[in-house]
Amino acid sequence: MRTSCMRARFARVEAVTGRVTLCGVSSSEERRKTRAAWPIRKVALGAEELTDPRDTSTVDERIAQVYRLTMEQWAFAGLEIPRYTRAEMPGTIVRPK
C-alpha cells in the first residue's frame, strides 16, 4: 500500500493501518536518533510553568497574531466576517447563583 507524507513534521501516516512512521527514516536506530533531537521536556504533573520560556513574543504580538490568523481563516473559508455588536453576539451568559 502506498503511503504519503503529511504536512506534519517528518511524519508519514499509512492510509490503511494509520501507522505513523518518520519520513525518510527506515531503520529503528535512525528513528531513535531522529526522536532524540525532538524538543521534549519532562515535568511533574502540577509543576508546569505558566509561560513557555521558549516563547519570546509579547502579549501584544500574540494578540496581533491571533487577529491576523482569524482574518486569514475567515478569508480562507470564503465567509464574510460577522458584523454585530457585543450585545448581539450569539451565546449565553451563565452567572453563578
C-alpha atoms as a PDB file:
ATOM      1  CA  MET A   1       0.000   0.000   0.000  1.00  0.00           C
ATOM      2  CA  ARG A   2       1.355   3.419  -0.944  1.00  0.00           C
ATOM      3  CA  THR A   3       1.899   5.919   1.863  1.00  0.00           C
ATOM      4  CA  SER A   4       2.009   9.691   1.717  1.00  0.00           C
ATOM      5  CA  CYS A   5       3.886  12.285   3.751  1.00  0.00           C
ATOM      6  CA  MET A   6       1.558  14.637   5.566  1.00  0.00           C
ATOM      7  CA  ARG A   7       2.464  18.240   6.359  1.00  0.00           C
ATOM      8  CA  ALA A   8       3.143  17.315   9.962  1.00  0.00           C
ATOM      9  CA  ARG A   9       6.838  17.486  10.677  1.00  0.00           C
ATOM     10  CA  PHE A  10       8.658  14.401   9.413  1.00  0.00           C
ATOM     11  CA  ALA A  11       5.643  12.131   9.820  1.00  0.00           C
ATOM     12  CA  ARG A  12       4.072   9.707   7.407  1.00  0.00           C
ATOM     13  CA  VAL A  13       0.735   8.032   8.048  1.00  0.00           C
ATOM     14  CA  GLU A  14      -0.208   4.857   6.248  1.00  0.00           C
ATOM     15  CA  ALA A  15      -3.655   5.272   4.717  1.00  0.00           C
ATOM     16  CA  VAL A  16      -4.958   1.816   5.611  1.00  0.00           C
ATOM     17  CA  THR A  17      -3.407   0.995   9.005  1.00  0.00           C
ATOM     18  CA  GLY A  18      -2.976   4.516  10.384  1.00  0.00           C
ATOM     19  CA  ARG A  19       0.572   3.580  11.442  1.00  0.00           C
ATOM     20  CA  VAL A  20       2.809   6.630  11.889  1.00  0.00           C
ATOM     21  CA  THR A  21       6.427   6.482  10.700  1.00  0.00           C
ATOM     22  CA  LEU A  22       9.115   9.098  10.190  1.00  0.00           C
ATOM     23  CA  CYS A  23       9.576  10.311   6.599  1.00  0.00           C
ATOM     24  CA  GLY A  24      12.852   9.315   5.017  1.00  0.00           C
ATOM     25  CA  VAL A  25      13.930   7.245   8.031  1.00  0.00           C
ATOM     26  CA  SER A  26      13.921   3.484   7.629  1.00  0.00           C
ATOM     27  CA  SER A  27      15.729   1.697  10.458  1.00  0.00           C
ATOM     28  CA  SER A  28      14.719   1.728  14.107  1.00  0.00           C
ATOM     29  CA  GLU A  29      18.154   3.122  15.012  1.00  0.00           C
ATOM     30  CA  GLU A  30      17.712   6.054  12.588  1.00  0.00           C
ATOM     31  CA  ARG A  31      14.244   6.721  14.033  1.00  0.00           C
ATOM     32  CA  ARG A  32      15.651   6.644  17.593  1.00  0.00           C
ATOM     33  CA  LYS A  33      18.377   9.163  16.662  1.00  0.00           C
ATOM     34  CA  THR A  34      15.807  11.424  14.987  1.00  0.00           C
ATOM     35  CA  ARG A  35      13.491  11.327  18.031  1.00  0.00           C
ATOM     36  CA  ALA A  36      16.424  12.151  20.338  1.00  0.00           C
ATOM     37  CA  ALA A  37      16.593  15.621  18.755  1.00  0.00           C
ATOM     38  CA  TRP A  38      12.913  16.433  19.428  1.00  0.00           C
ATOM     39  CA  PRO A  39      12.372  19.310  21.908  1.00  0.00           C
ATOM     40  CA  ILE A  40      10.717  17.420  24.761  1.00  0.00           C
ATOM     41  CA  ARG A  41      10.602  18.406  28.425  1.00  0.00           C
ATOM     42  CA  LYS A  42       9.550  16.163  31.290  1.00  0.00           C
ATOM     43  CA  VAL A  43       7.810  17.892  34.209  1.00  0.00           C
ATOM     44  CA  ALA A  44       5.851  16.633  37.189  1.00  0.00           C
ATOM     45  CA  LEU A  45       2.073  16.932  36.997  1.00  0.00           C
ATOM     46  CA  GLY A  46       1.064  20.271  38.518  1.00  0.00           C
ATOM     47  CA  ALA A  47       4.585  21.700  38.196  1.00  0.00           C
ATOM     48  CA  GLU A  48       4.085  23.088  34.694  1.00  0.00           C
ATOM     49  CA  GLU A  49       5.228  26.641  34.099  1.00  0.00           C
ATOM     50  CA  LEU A  50       2.547  29.230  33.383  1.00  0.00           C
ATOM     51  CA  THR A  51       4.508  30.516  30.419  1.00  0.00           C
ATOM     52  CA  ASP A  52       6.701  28.762  27.894  1.00  0.00           C
ATOM     53  CA  PRO A  53      10.294  30.024  28.206  1.00  0.00           C
ATOM     54  CA  ARG A  54      10.833  29.241  24.506  1.00  0.00           C
ATOM     55  CA  ASP A  55       8.178  31.799  23.511  1.00  0.00           C
ATOM     56  CA  THR A  56       9.780  35.239  23.446  1.00  0.00           C
ATOM     57  CA  SER A  57       6.797  37.094  21.964  1.00  0.00           C
ATOM     58  CA  THR A  58       4.957  39.778  23.896  1.00  0.00           C
ATOM     59  CA  VAL A  59       1.251  39.725  24.742  1.00  0.00           C
ATOM     60  CA  ASP A  60       0.644  42.413  22.108  1.00  0.00           C
ATOM     61  CA  GLU A  61       2.436  40.338  19.467  1.00  0.00           C
ATOM     62  CA  ARG A  62       0.381  37.243  20.322  1.00  0.00           C
ATOM     63  CA  ILE A  63      -2.895  39.183  20.165  1.00  0.00           C
ATOM     64  CA  ALA A  64      -1.863  40.634  16.799  1.00  0.00           C
ATOM     65  CA  GLN A  65      -1.064  37.136  15.566  1.00  0.00           C
ATOM     66  CA  VAL A  66      -4.458  35.792  16.677  1.00  0.00           C
ATOM     67  CA  TYR A  67      -6.158  38.691  14.843  1.00  0.00           C
ATOM     68  CA  ARG A  68      -4.125  38.043  11.681  1.00  0.00           C
ATOM     69  CA  LEU A  69      -4.841  34.296  11.785  1.00  0.00           C
ATOM     70  CA  THR A  70      -8.549  34.938  12.386  1.00  0.00           C
ATOM     71  CA  MET A  71      -8.747  37.224   9.347  1.00  0.00           C
ATOM     72  CA  GLU A  72      -6.882  34.670   7.221  1.00  0.00           C
ATOM     73  CA  GLN A  73      -9.222  31.854   8.270  1.00  0.00           C
ATOM     74  CA  TRP A  74     -12.382  33.824   7.507  1.00  0.00           C
ATOM     75  CA  ALA A  75     -10.916  34.651   4.076  1.00  0.00           C
ATOM     76  CA  PHE A  76      -9.862  31.021   3.549  1.00  0.00           C
ATOM     77  CA  ALA A  77     -13.388  29.842   4.386  1.00  0.00           C
ATOM     78  CA  GLY A  78     -14.786  32.326   1.884  1.00  0.00           C
ATOM     79  CA  LEU A  79     -17.098  33.774   4.502  1.00  0.00           C
ATOM     80  CA  GLU A  80     -17.797  37.364   5.414  1.00  0.00           C
ATOM     81  CA  ILE A  81     -16.702  38.435   8.870  1.00  0.00           C
ATOM     82  CA  PRO A  82     -19.790  38.813  11.085  1.00  0.00           C
ATOM     83  CA  ARG A  83     -20.666  42.417  11.900  1.00  0.00           C
ATOM     84  CA  TYR A  84     -22.618  42.567  15.127  1.00  0.00           C
ATOM     85  CA  THR A  85     -22.357  44.380  18.411  1.00  0.00           C
ATOM     86  CA  ARG A  86     -21.313  42.702  21.619  1.00  0.00           C
ATOM     87  CA  ALA A  87     -24.934  42.732  22.795  1.00  0.00           C
ATOM     88  CA  GLU A  88     -25.975  40.857  19.622  1.00  0.00           C
ATOM     89  CA  MET A  89     -23.238  38.185  19.838  1.00  0.00           C
ATOM     90  CA  PRO A  90     -24.568  34.622  19.952  1.00  0.00           C
ATOM     91  CA  GLY A  91     -24.102  32.897  23.274  1.00  0.00           C
ATOM     92  CA  THR A  92     -25.450  32.580  26.765  1.00  0.00           C
ATOM     93  CA  ILE A  93     -24.315  34.355  29.905  1.00  0.00           C
ATOM     94  CA  VAL A  94     -24.171  31.982  32.868  1.00  0.00           C
ATOM     95  CA  ARG A  95     -23.807  33.627  36.255  1.00  0.00           C
ATOM     96  CA  PRO A  96     -23.244  31.692  39.484  1.00  0.00           C
ATOM     97  CA  LYS A  97     -26.194  31.668  41.869  1.00  0.00           C
END
